[in-house]
Amino acid sequence: MTYDLKAIFNLVRETLEQAPLTPLREISSRLRIERHTIEKAIRLGTGDSFRNLRKSIVSNLAINQLAASPHKSIKEICFALGFGSTRTFSRTIKRVIGKTPKELRNNKS
């Protein structure tokens, strides 16, 4: 079976923008497409892996939310992005971006 890899990539990207912590196996199950086909589509679209695409989307969403919503608490943004705790959110953002959410927000002010 031949797939439109560009369309698959766009579906995956849209899914991650809506729910950035969605695992590859869940996306694969939802789309009824093998994981390796999804990974191939992502490599074609970005030249990188699913994991790095997800990290990029999470970091962009976090940066945008922190900048666009200074009235929202970090906790509200954390839960809106699908994280289960502020500690996990802070640790993830620190690992991906190199700064904590609080540091990012202070830099934007």
PDB file of N, CA and C in Angstrom:
ATOM      1  N   MET A   1       0.836  -1.183   0.000  1.00  0.00           N
ATOM      2  CA  MET A   1       0.000   0.000   0.000  1.00  0.00           C
ATOM      3  C   MET A   1       0.883   1.250   0.000  1.00  0.00           C
ATOM      4  N   THR A   2       0.525   2.219  -0.795  1.00  0.00           N
ATOM      5  CA  THR A   2       1.266   3.470  -0.881  1.00  0.00           C
ATOM      6  C   THR A   2       0.556   4.537  -0.058  1.00  0.00           C
ATOM      7  N   TYR A   3       1.344   5.239   0.721  1.00  0.00           N
ATOM      8  CA  TYR A   3       0.803   6.299   1.572  1.00  0.00           C
ATOM      9  C   TYR A   3       1.289   7.657   1.084  1.00  0.00           C
ATOM     10  N   ASP A   4       0.481   8.673   1.356  1.00  0.00           N
ATOM     11  CA  ASP A   4       0.894  10.047   1.112  1.00  0.00           C
ATOM     12  C   ASP A   4       1.638  10.502   2.372  1.00  0.00           C
ATOM     13  N   LEU A   5       2.959  10.402   2.329  1.00  0.00           N
ATOM     14  CA  LEU A   5       3.762  10.684   3.515  1.00  0.00           C
ATOM     15  C   LEU A   5       3.633  12.125   3.984  1.00  0.00           C
ATOM     16  N   LYS A   6       3.452  13.045   3.060  1.00  0.00           N
ATOM     17  CA  LYS A   6       3.281  14.454   3.441  1.00  0.00           C
ATOM     18  C   LYS A   6       1.979  14.629   4.225  1.00  0.00           C
ATOM     19  N   ALA A   7       0.925  13.975   3.781  1.00  0.00           N
ATOM     20  CA  ALA A   7      -0.357  14.056   4.481  1.00  0.00           C
ATOM     21  C   ALA A   7      -0.254  13.422   5.866  1.00  0.00           C
ATOM     22  N   ILE A   8       0.460  12.307   5.956  1.00  0.00           N
ATOM     23  CA  ILE A   8       0.657  11.655   7.254  1.00  0.00           C
ATOM     24  C   ILE A   8       1.422  12.578   8.189  1.00  0.00           C
ATOM     25  N   PHE A   9       2.497  13.179   7.675  1.00  0.00           N
ATOM     26  CA  PHE A   9       3.273  14.117   8.490  1.00  0.00           C
ATOM     27  C   PHE A   9       2.388  15.249   9.005  1.00  0.00           C
ATOM     28  N   ASN A  10       1.563  15.815   8.139  1.00  0.00           N
ATOM     29  CA  ASN A  10       0.678  16.916   8.552  1.00  0.00           C
ATOM     30  C   ASN A  10      -0.315  16.466   9.621  1.00  0.00           C
ATOM     31  N   LEU A  11      -0.855  15.262   9.488  1.00  0.00           N
ATOM     32  CA  LEU A  11      -1.778  14.736  10.503  1.00  0.00           C
ATOM     33  C   LEU A  11      -1.083  14.547  11.849  1.00  0.00           C
ATOM     34  N   VAL A  12       0.124  14.037  11.804  1.00  0.00           N
ATOM     35  CA  VAL A  12       0.886  13.826  13.038  1.00  0.00           C
ATOM     36  C   VAL A  12       1.197  15.168  13.694  1.00  0.00           C
ATOM     37  N   ARG A  13       1.647  16.123  12.900  1.00  0.00           N
ATOM     38  CA  ARG A  13       1.963  17.450  13.435  1.00  0.00           C
ATOM     39  C   ARG A  13       0.739  18.094  14.061  1.00  0.00           C
ATOM     40  N   GLU A  14      -0.407  18.010  13.375  1.00  0.00           N
ATOM     41  CA  GLU A  14      -1.651  18.572  13.910  1.00  0.00           C
ATOM     42  C   GLU A  14      -2.059  17.884  15.210  1.00  0.00           C
ATOM     43  N   THR A  15      -1.907  16.574  15.249  1.00  0.00           N
ATOM     44  CA  THR A  15      -2.230  15.824  16.461  1.00  0.00           C
ATOM     45  C   THR A  15      -1.363  16.282  17.619  1.00  0.00           C
ATOM     46  N   LEU A  16      -0.072  16.429  17.366  1.00  0.00           N
ATOM     47  CA  LEU A  16       0.847  16.856  18.425  1.00  0.00           C
ATOM     48  C   LEU A  16       0.609  18.302  18.839  1.00  0.00           C
ATOM     49  N   GLU A  17       0.164  19.137  17.934  1.00  0.00           N
ATOM     50  CA  GLU A  17      -0.136  20.522  18.308  1.00  0.00           C
ATOM     51  C   GLU A  17      -1.368  20.594  19.208  1.00  0.00           C
ATOM     52  N   GLN A  18      -2.292  19.662  19.029  1.00  0.00           N
ATOM     53  CA  GLN A  18      -3.496  19.603  19.870  1.00  0.00           C
ATOM     54  C   GLN A  18      -3.212  18.916  21.205  1.00  0.00           C
ATOM     55  N   ALA A  19      -2.428  17.855  21.173  1.00  0.00           N
ATOM     56  CA  ALA A  19      -2.095  17.069  22.371  1.00  0.00           C
ATOM     57  C   ALA A  19      -0.616  16.684  22.283  1.00  0.00           C
ATOM     58  N   PRO A  20       0.276  17.585  22.712  1.00  0.00           N
ATOM     59  CA  PRO A  20       1.706  17.404  22.475  1.00  0.00           C
ATOM     60  C   PRO A  20       2.359  16.199  23.142  1.00  0.00           C
ATOM     61  N   LEU A  21       1.709  15.595  24.094  1.00  0.00           N
ATOM     62  CA  LEU A  21       2.325  14.458  24.772  1.00  0.00           C
ATOM     63  C   LEU A  21       1.838  13.116  24.244  1.00  0.00           C
ATOM     64  N   THR A  22       1.107  13.137  23.141  1.00  0.00           N
ATOM     65  CA  THR A  22       0.578  11.902  22.570  1.00  0.00           C
ATOM     66  C   THR A  22       1.726  11.002  22.102  1.00  0.00           C
ATOM     67  N   PRO A  23       1.758   9.764  22.602  1.00  0.00           N
ATOM     68  CA  PRO A  23       2.827   8.853  22.173  1.00  0.00           C
ATOM     69  C   PRO A  23       2.634   8.371  20.738  1.00  0.00           C
ATOM     70  N   LEU A  24       3.724   7.978  20.134  1.00  0.00           N
ATOM     71  CA  LEU A  24       3.703   7.505  18.752  1.00  0.00           C
ATOM     72  C   LEU A  24       2.759   6.318  18.586  1.00  0.00           C
ATOM     73  N   ARG A  25       2.758   5.398  19.523  1.00  0.00           N
ATOM     74  CA  ARG A  25       1.895   4.214  19.393  1.00  0.00           C
ATOM     75  C   ARG A  25       0.418   4.591  19.378  1.00  0.00           C
ATOM     76  N   GLU A  26       0.048   5.640  20.113  1.00  0.00           N
ATOM     77  CA  GLU A  26      -1.348   6.090  20.112  1.00  0.00           C
ATOM     78  C   GLU A  26      -1.704   6.755  18.784  1.00  0.00           C
ATOM     79  N   ILE A  27      -0.812   7.567  18.266  1.00  0.00           N
ATOM     80  CA  ILE A  27      -1.047   8.196  16.967  1.00  0.00           C
ATOM     81  C   ILE A  27      -1.157   7.118  15.888  1.00  0.00           C
ATOM     82  N   SER A  28      -0.278   6.154  15.955  1.00  0.00           N
ATOM     83  CA  SER A  28      -0.296   5.043  15.008  1.00  0.00           C
ATOM     84  C   SER A  28      -1.630   4.296  15.066  1.00  0.00           C
ATOM     85  N   SER A  29      -2.089   4.055  16.254  1.00  0.00           N
ATOM     86  CA  SER A  29      -3.364   3.355  16.440  1.00  0.00           C
ATOM     87  C   SER A  29      -4.537   4.180  15.912  1.00  0.00           C
ATOM     88  N   ARG A  30      -4.545   5.462  16.222  1.00  0.00           N
ATOM     89  CA  ARG A  30      -5.629   6.348  15.761  1.00  0.00           C
ATOM     90  C   ARG A  30      -5.695   6.426  14.238  1.00  0.00           C
ATOM     91  N   LEU A  31      -4.531   6.571  13.630  1.00  0.00           N
ATOM     92  CA  LEU A  31      -4.465   6.725  12.175  1.00  0.00           C
ATOM     93  C   LEU A  31      -4.517   5.383  11.447  1.00  0.00           C
ATOM     94  N   ARG A  32      -4.350   4.300  12.201  1.00  0.00           N
ATOM     95  CA  ARG A  32      -4.299   2.956  11.623  1.00  0.00           C
ATOM     96  C   ARG A  32      -3.191   2.842  10.581  1.00  0.00           C
ATOM     97  N   ILE A  33      -2.040   3.399  10.970  1.00  0.00           N
ATOM     98  CA  ILE A  33      -0.841   3.376  10.127  1.00  0.00           C
ATOM     99  C   ILE A  33       0.310   2.881  10.997  1.00  0.00           C
ATOM    100  N   GLU A  34       1.115   2.010  10.446  1.00  0.00           N
ATOM    101  CA  GLU A  34       2.254   1.464  11.181  1.00  0.00           C
ATOM    102  C   GLU A  34       3.187   2.579  11.662  1.00  0.00           C
ATOM    103  N   ARG A  35       3.776   2.354  12.828  1.00  0.00           N
ATOM    104  CA  ARG A  35       4.687   3.348  13.407  1.00  0.00           C
ATOM    105  C   ARG A  35       5.861   3.649  12.482  1.00  0.00           C
ATOM    106  N   HIS A  36       6.409   2.646  11.851  1.00  0.00           N
ATOM    107  CA  HIS A  36       7.570   2.901  10.985  1.00  0.00           C
ATOM    108  C   HIS A  36       7.186   3.775   9.789  1.00  0.00           C
ATOM    109  N   THR A  37       5.940   3.689   9.322  1.00  0.00           N
ATOM    110  CA  THR A  37       5.481   4.545   8.226  1.00  0.00           C
ATOM    111  C   THR A  37       5.363   5.988   8.711  1.00  0.00           C
ATOM    112  N   ILE A  38       4.859   6.158   9.924  1.00  0.00           N
ATOM    113  CA  ILE A  38       4.771   7.500  10.505  1.00  0.00           C
ATOM    114  C   ILE A  38       6.173   8.081  10.697  1.00  0.00           C
ATOM    115  N   GLU A  39       7.081   7.276  11.218  1.00  0.00           N
ATOM    116  CA  GLU A  39       8.457   7.741  11.407  1.00  0.00           C
ATOM    117  C   GLU A  39       9.103   8.127  10.073  1.00  0.00           C
ATOM    118  N   LYS A  40       8.808   7.364   9.035  1.00  0.00           N
ATOM    119  CA  LYS A  40       9.328   7.675   7.697  1.00  0.00           C
ATOM    120  C   LYS A  40       8.768   9.015   7.209  1.00  0.00           C
ATOM    121  N   ALA A  41       7.485   9.252   7.439  1.00  0.00           N
ATOM    122  CA  ALA A  41       6.856  10.513   7.037  1.00  0.00           C
ATOM    123  C   ALA A  41       7.478  11.693   7.782  1.00  0.00           C
ATOM    124  N   ILE A  42       7.757  11.499   9.058  1.00  0.00           N
ATOM    125  CA  ILE A  42       8.370  12.568   9.859  1.00  0.00           C
ATOM    126  C   ILE A  42       9.792  12.842   9.384  1.00  0.00           C
ATOM    127  N   ARG A  43      10.534  11.793   9.112  1.00  0.00           N
ATOM    128  CA  ARG A  43      11.905  11.977   8.587  1.00  0.00           C
ATOM    129  C   ARG A  43      11.887  12.729   7.261  1.00  0.00           C
ATOM    130  N   LEU A  44      10.901  12.415   6.416  1.00  0.00           N
ATOM    131  CA  LEU A  44      10.777  13.104   5.139  1.00  0.00           C
ATOM    132  C   LEU A  44      10.403  14.577   5.362  1.00  0.00           C
ATOM    133  N   GLY A  45       9.504  14.833   6.323  1.00  0.00           N
ATOM    134  CA  GLY A  45       9.029  16.194   6.576  1.00  0.00           C
ATOM    135  C   GLY A  45      10.003  17.075   7.331  1.00  0.00           C
ATOM    136  N   THR A  46      10.794  16.469   8.230  1.00  0.00           N
ATOM    137  CA  THR A  46      11.676  17.271   9.078  1.00  0.00           C
ATOM    138  C   THR A  46      13.143  16.892   8.997  1.00  0.00           C
ATOM    139  N   GLY A  47      13.399  15.682   8.527  1.00  0.00           N
ATOM    140  CA  GLY A  47      14.768  15.181   8.555  1.00  0.00           C
ATOM    141  C   GLY A  47      15.162  14.707   9.940  1.00  0.00           C
ATOM    142  N   ASP A  48      14.183  14.594  10.820  1.00  0.00           N
ATOM    143  CA  ASP A  48      14.456  14.244  12.209  1.00  0.00           C
ATOM    144  C   ASP A  48      13.484  13.172  12.693  1.00  0.00           C
ATOM    145  N   SER A  49      13.556  12.837  13.968  1.00  0.00           N
ATOM    146  CA  SER A  49      12.760  11.767  14.552  1.00  0.00           C
ATOM    147  C   SER A  49      11.445  12.275  15.145  1.00  0.00           C
ATOM    148  N   PHE A  50      10.556  11.329  15.437  1.00  0.00           N
ATOM    149  CA  PHE A  50       9.298  11.649  16.103  1.00  0.00           C
ATOM    150  C   PHE A  50       9.571  12.340  17.431  1.00  0.00           C
ATOM    151  N   ARG A  51      10.492  11.787  18.184  1.00  0.00           N
ATOM    152  CA  ARG A  51      10.816  12.343  19.507  1.00  0.00           C
ATOM    153  C   ARG A  51      11.239  13.809  19.405  1.00  0.00           C
ATOM    154  N   ASN A  52      12.084  14.116  18.430  1.00  0.00           N
ATOM    155  CA  ASN A  52      12.544  15.498  18.283  1.00  0.00           C
ATOM    156  C   ASN A  52      11.446  16.409  17.752  1.00  0.00           C
ATOM    157  N   LEU A  53      10.581  15.891  16.897  1.00  0.00           N
ATOM    158  CA  LEU A  53       9.431  16.675  16.444  1.00  0.00           C
ATOM    159  C   LEU A  53       8.552  17.023  17.636  1.00  0.00           C
ATOM    160  N   ARG A  54       8.276  16.031  18.471  1.00  0.00           N
ATOM    161  CA  ARG A  54       7.429  16.274  19.648  1.00  0.00           C
ATOM    162  C   ARG A  54       8.082  17.272  20.601  1.00  0.00           C
ATOM    163  N   LYS A  55       9.384  17.146  20.828  1.00  0.00           N
ATOM    164  CA  LYS A  55      10.097  18.100  21.690  1.00  0.00           C
ATOM    165  C   LYS A  55       9.981  19.517  21.139  1.00  0.00           C
ATOM    166  N   SER A  56      10.148  19.651  19.847  1.00  0.00           N
ATOM    167  CA  SER A  56      10.059  20.959  19.202  1.00  0.00           C
ATOM    168  C   SER A  56       8.666  21.563  19.368  1.00  0.00           C
ATOM    169  N   ILE A  57       7.648  20.752  19.161  1.00  0.00           N
ATOM    170  CA  ILE A  57       6.276  21.241  19.289  1.00  0.00           C
ATOM    171  C   ILE A  57       5.971  21.612  20.736  1.00  0.00           C
ATOM    172  N   VAL A  58       6.377  20.782  21.685  1.00  0.00           N
ATOM    173  CA  VAL A  58       6.149  21.077  23.109  1.00  0.00           C
ATOM    174  C   VAL A  58       6.839  22.386  23.485  1.00  0.00           C
ATOM    175  N   SER A  59       8.085  22.554  23.079  1.00  0.00           N
ATOM    176  CA  SER A  59       8.806  23.769  23.447  1.00  0.00           C
ATOM    177  C   SER A  59       8.191  25.010  22.808  1.00  0.00           C
ATOM    178  N   ASN A  60       7.796  24.917  21.540  1.00  0.00           N
ATOM    179  CA  ASN A  60       7.162  26.065  20.879  1.00  0.00           C
ATOM    180  C   ASN A  60       5.839  26.426  21.540  1.00  0.00           C
ATOM    181  N   LEU A  61       5.032  25.413  21.862  1.00  0.00           N
ATOM    182  CA  LEU A  61       3.756  25.682  22.527  1.00  0.00           C
ATOM    183  C   LEU A  61       3.974  26.308  23.901  1.00  0.00           C
ATOM    184  N   ALA A  62       4.945  25.794  24.638  1.00  0.00           N
ATOM    185  CA  ALA A  62       5.223  26.337  25.971  1.00  0.00           C
ATOM    186  C   ALA A  62       5.694  27.790  25.888  1.00  0.00           C
ATOM    187  N   ILE A  63       6.619  28.045  24.990  1.00  0.00           N
ATOM    188  CA  ILE A  63       7.125  29.419  24.826  1.00  0.00           C
ATOM    189  C   ILE A  63       5.989  30.356  24.432  1.00  0.00           C
ATOM    190  N   ASN A  64       5.177  29.941  23.466  1.00  0.00           N
ATOM    191  CA  ASN A  64       4.060  30.784  23.020  1.00  0.00           C
ATOM    192  C   ASN A  64       3.046  31.018  24.129  1.00  0.00           C
ATOM    193  N   GLN A  65       2.706  29.965  24.875  1.00  0.00           N
ATOM    194  CA  GLN A  65       1.738  30.106  25.967  1.00  0.00           C
ATOM    195  C   GLN A  65       2.273  31.017  27.066  1.00  0.00           C
ATOM    196  N   LEU A  66       3.531  30.841  27.422  1.00  0.00           N
ATOM    197  CA  LEU A  66       4.116  31.670  28.481  1.00  0.00           C
ATOM    198  C   LEU A  66       4.175  33.136  28.068  1.00  0.00           C
ATOM    199  N   ALA A  67       4.459  33.401  26.797  1.00  0.00           N
ATOM    200  CA  ALA A  67       4.550  34.780  26.310  1.00  0.00           C
ATOM    201  C   ALA A  67       3.169  35.396  26.104  1.00  0.00           C
ATOM    202  N   ALA A  68       2.242  34.612  25.567  1.00  0.00           N
ATOM    203  CA  ALA A  68       0.923  35.141  25.210  1.00  0.00           C
ATOM    204  C   ALA A  68      -0.038  35.228  26.387  1.00  0.00           C
ATOM    205  N   SER A  69       0.251  34.497  27.446  1.00  0.00           N
ATOM    206  CA  SER A  69      -0.682  34.442  28.575  1.00  0.00           C
ATOM    207  C   SER A  69       0.010  34.758  29.895  1.00  0.00           C
ATOM    208  N   PRO A  70       0.495  35.986  30.045  1.00  0.00           N
ATOM    209  CA  PRO A  70       1.197  36.317  31.288  1.00  0.00           C
ATOM    210  C   PRO A  70       0.273  36.293  32.511  1.00  0.00           C
ATOM    211  N   HIS A  71      -1.034  36.392  32.271  1.00  0.00           N
ATOM    212  CA  HIS A  71      -1.991  36.353  33.374  1.00  0.00           C
ATOM    213  C   HIS A  71      -2.270  34.929  33.860  1.00  0.00           C
ATOM    214  N   LYS A  72      -1.946  33.923  33.019  1.00  0.00           N
ATOM    215  CA  LYS A  72      -2.140  32.529  33.416  1.00  0.00           C
ATOM    216  C   LYS A  72      -0.952  32.054  34.240  1.00  0.00           C
ATOM    217  N   SER A  73      -1.243  31.230  35.218  1.00  0.00           N
ATOM    218  CA  SER A  73      -0.157  30.669  36.017  1.00  0.00           C
ATOM    219  C   SER A  73       0.564  29.591  35.207  1.00  0.00           C
ATOM    220  N   ILE A  74       1.765  29.305  35.612  1.00  0.00           N
ATOM    221  CA  ILE A  74       2.522  28.245  34.970  1.00  0.00           C
ATOM    222  C   ILE A  74       1.782  26.926  35.132  1.00  0.00           C
ATOM    223  N   LYS A  75       1.131  26.748  36.250  1.00  0.00           N
ATOM    224  CA  LYS A  75       0.359  25.527  36.501  1.00  0.00           C
ATOM    225  C   LYS A  75      -0.784  25.387  35.485  1.00  0.00           C
ATOM    226  N   GLU A  76      -1.489  26.470  35.198  1.00  0.00           N
ATOM    227  CA  GLU A  76      -2.573  26.432  34.210  1.00  0.00           C
ATOM    228  C   GLU A  76      -2.036  26.055  32.823  1.00  0.00           C
ATOM    229  N   ILE A  77      -0.912  26.642  32.452  1.00  0.00           N
ATOM    230  CA  ILE A  77      -0.305  26.355  31.151  1.00  0.00           C
ATOM    231  C   ILE A  77       0.159  24.903  31.104  1.00  0.00           C
ATOM    232  N   CYS A  78       0.733  24.450  32.170  1.00  0.00           N
ATOM    233  CA  CYS A  78       1.198  23.068  32.270  1.00  0.00           C
ATOM    234  C   CYS A  78       0.057  22.093  31.999  1.00  0.00           C
ATOM    235  N   PHE A  79      -1.075  22.274  32.657  1.00  0.00           N
ATOM    236  CA  PHE A  79      -2.200  21.366  32.479  1.00  0.00           C
ATOM    237  C   PHE A  79      -2.857  21.545  31.106  1.00  0.00           C
ATOM    238  N   ALA A  80      -2.859  22.762  30.581  1.00  0.00           N
ATOM    239  CA  ALA A  80      -3.421  23.002  29.249  1.00  0.00           C
ATOM    240  C   ALA A  80      -2.616  22.270  28.170  1.00  0.00           C
ATOM    241  N   LEU A  81      -1.326  22.102  28.394  1.00  0.00           N
ATOM    242  CA  LEU A  81      -0.477  21.399  27.439  1.00  0.00           C
ATOM    243  C   LEU A  81      -0.508  19.885  27.642  1.00  0.00           C
ATOM    244  N   GLY A  82      -1.195  19.435  28.683  1.00  0.00           N
ATOM    245  CA  GLY A  82      -1.364  17.999  28.884  1.00  0.00           C
ATOM    246  C   GLY A  82      -0.414  17.359  29.878  1.00  0.00           C
ATOM    247  N   PHE A  83       0.346  18.158  30.595  1.00  0.00           N
ATOM    248  CA  PHE A  83       1.247  17.603  31.598  1.00  0.00           C
ATOM    249  C   PHE A  83       0.464  17.283  32.863  1.00  0.00           C
ATOM    250  N   GLY A  84       0.903  16.272  33.575  1.00  0.00           N
ATOM    251  CA  GLY A  84       0.219  15.845  34.794  1.00  0.00           C
ATOM    252  C   GLY A  84       0.648  16.608  36.028  1.00  0.00           C
ATOM    253  N   SER A  85       1.803  17.256  35.965  1.00  0.00           N
ATOM    254  CA  SER A  85       2.278  18.015  37.127  1.00  0.00           C
ATOM    255  C   SER A  85       3.197  19.137  36.662  1.00  0.00           C
ATOM    256  N   THR A  86       3.289  20.163  37.482  1.00  0.00           N
ATOM    257  CA  THR A  86       4.168  21.284  37.143  1.00  0.00           C
ATOM    258  C   THR A  86       5.633  20.855  37.209  1.00  0.00           C
ATOM    259  N   ARG A  87       5.923  19.906  38.069  1.00  0.00           N
ATOM    260  CA  ARG A  87       7.303  19.426  38.189  1.00  0.00           C
ATOM    261  C   ARG A  87       7.750  18.757  36.884  1.00  0.00           C
ATOM    262  N   THR A  88       6.893  17.901  36.340  1.00  0.00           N
ATOM    263  CA  THR A  88       7.210  17.239  35.076  1.00  0.00           C
ATOM    264  C   THR A  88       7.333  18.266  33.961  1.00  0.00           C
ATOM    265  N   PHE A  89       6.415  19.223  33.923  1.00  0.00           N
ATOM    266  CA  PHE A  89       6.438  20.287  32.919  1.00  0.00           C
ATOM    267  C   PHE A  89       7.754  21.061  33.003  1.00  0.00           C
ATOM    268  N   SER A  90       8.109  21.496  34.198  1.00  0.00           N
ATOM    269  CA  SER A  90       9.338  22.275  34.378  1.00  0.00           C
ATOM    270  C   SER A  90      10.568  21.482  33.975  1.00  0.00           C
ATOM    271  N   ARG A  91      10.606  20.221  34.380  1.00  0.00           N
ATOM    272  CA  ARG A  91      11.751  19.371  34.049  1.00  0.00           C
ATOM    273  C   ARG A  91      11.860  19.163  32.538  1.00  0.00           C
ATOM    274  N   THR A  92      10.729  18.931  31.890  1.00  0.00           N
ATOM    275  CA  THR A  92      10.730  18.718  30.438  1.00  0.00           C
ATOM    276  C   THR A  92      11.174  19.966  29.697  1.00  0.00           C
ATOM    277  N   ILE A  93      10.620  21.104  30.069  1.00  0.00           N
ATOM    278  CA  ILE A  93      10.975  22.366  29.407  1.00  0.00           C
ATOM    279  C   ILE A  93      12.444  22.694  29.643  1.00  0.00           C
ATOM    280  N   LYS A  94      12.917  22.476  30.842  1.00  0.00           N
ATOM    281  CA  LYS A  94      14.330  22.726  31.163  1.00  0.00           C
ATOM    282  C   LYS A  94      15.231  21.834  30.311  1.00  0.00           C
ATOM    283  N   ARG A  95      14.854  20.575  30.158  1.00  0.00           N
ATOM    284  CA  ARG A  95      15.657  19.634  29.368  1.00  0.00           C
ATOM    285  C   ARG A  95      15.646  20.011  27.884  1.00  0.00           C
ATOM    286  N   VAL A  96      14.491  20.427  27.365  1.00  0.00           N
ATOM    287  CA  VAL A  96      14.358  20.719  25.933  1.00  0.00           C
ATOM    288  C   VAL A  96      14.922  22.088  25.578  1.00  0.00           C
ATOM    289  N   ILE A  97      14.608  23.097  26.383  1.00  0.00           N
ATOM    290  CA  ILE A  97      14.968  24.476  26.043  1.00  0.00           C
ATOM    291  C   ILE A  97      16.217  24.966  26.778  1.00  0.00           C
ATOM    292  N   GLY A  98      16.448  24.405  27.968  1.00  0.00           N
ATOM    293  CA  GLY A  98      17.595  24.844  28.755  1.00  0.00           C
ATOM    294  C   GLY A  98      17.228  25.868  29.810  1.00  0.00           C
ATOM    295  N   LYS A  99      15.948  26.205  29.894  1.00  0.00           N
ATOM    296  CA  LYS A  99      15.457  27.152  30.896  1.00  0.00           C
ATOM    297  C   LYS A  99      14.158  26.622  31.473  1.00  0.00           C
ATOM    298  N   THR A 100      13.890  26.983  32.721  1.00  0.00           N
ATOM    299  CA  THR A 100      12.623  26.599  33.335  1.00  0.00           C
ATOM    300  C   THR A 100      11.518  27.503  32.805  1.00  0.00           C
ATOM    301  N   PRO A 101      10.261  27.098  32.944  1.00  0.00           N
ATOM    302  CA  PRO A 101       9.164  27.970  32.523  1.00  0.00           C
ATOM    303  C   PRO A 101       9.217  29.346  33.197  1.00  0.00           C
ATOM    304  N   LYS A 102       9.589  29.360  34.465  1.00  0.00           N
ATOM    305  CA  LYS A 102       9.684  30.634  35.186  1.00  0.00           C
ATOM    306  C   LYS A 102      10.770  31.527  34.574  1.00  0.00           C
ATOM    307  N   GLU A 103      11.915  30.944  34.220  1.00  0.00           N
ATOM    308  CA  GLU A 103      12.981  31.703  33.574  1.00  0.00           C
ATOM    309  C   GLU A 103      12.545  32.212  32.205  1.00  0.00           C
ATOM    310  N   LEU A 104      11.812  31.384  31.452  1.00  0.00           N
ATOM    311  CA  LEU A 104      11.311  31.815  30.151  1.00  0.00           C
ATOM    312  C   LEU A 104      10.353  32.993  30.296  1.00  0.00           C
ATOM    313  N   ARG A 105       9.457  32.884  31.254  1.00  0.00           N
ATOM    314  CA  ARG A 105       8.477  33.950  31.463  1.00  0.00           C
ATOM    315  C   ARG A 105       9.182  35.239  31.893  1.00  0.00           C
ATOM    316  N   ASN A 106      10.157  35.153  32.762  1.00  0.00           N
ATOM    317  CA  ASN A 106      10.882  36.348  33.209  1.00  0.00           C
ATOM    318  C   ASN A 106      11.669  36.993  32.076  1.00  0.00           C
ATOM    319  N   ASN A 107      12.188  36.184  31.151  1.00  0.00           N
ATOM    320  CA  ASN A 107      12.905  36.731  29.992  1.00  0.00           C
ATOM    321  C   ASN A 107      11.976  37.448  29.037  1.00  0.00           C
ATOM    322  N   LYS A 108      10.714  37.034  28.970  1.00  0.00           N
ATOM    323  CA  LYS A 108       9.735  37.649  28.055  1.00  0.00           C
ATOM    324  C   LYS A 108       9.153  38.935  28.626  1.00  0.00           C
ATOM    325  N   SER A 109       9.260  39.110  29.920  1.00  0.00           N
ATOM    326  CA  SER A 109       8.660  40.297  30.561  1.00  0.00           C
ATOM    327  C   SER A 109       9.456  41.545  30.298  1.00  0.00           C
TER     328      SER A 109
END
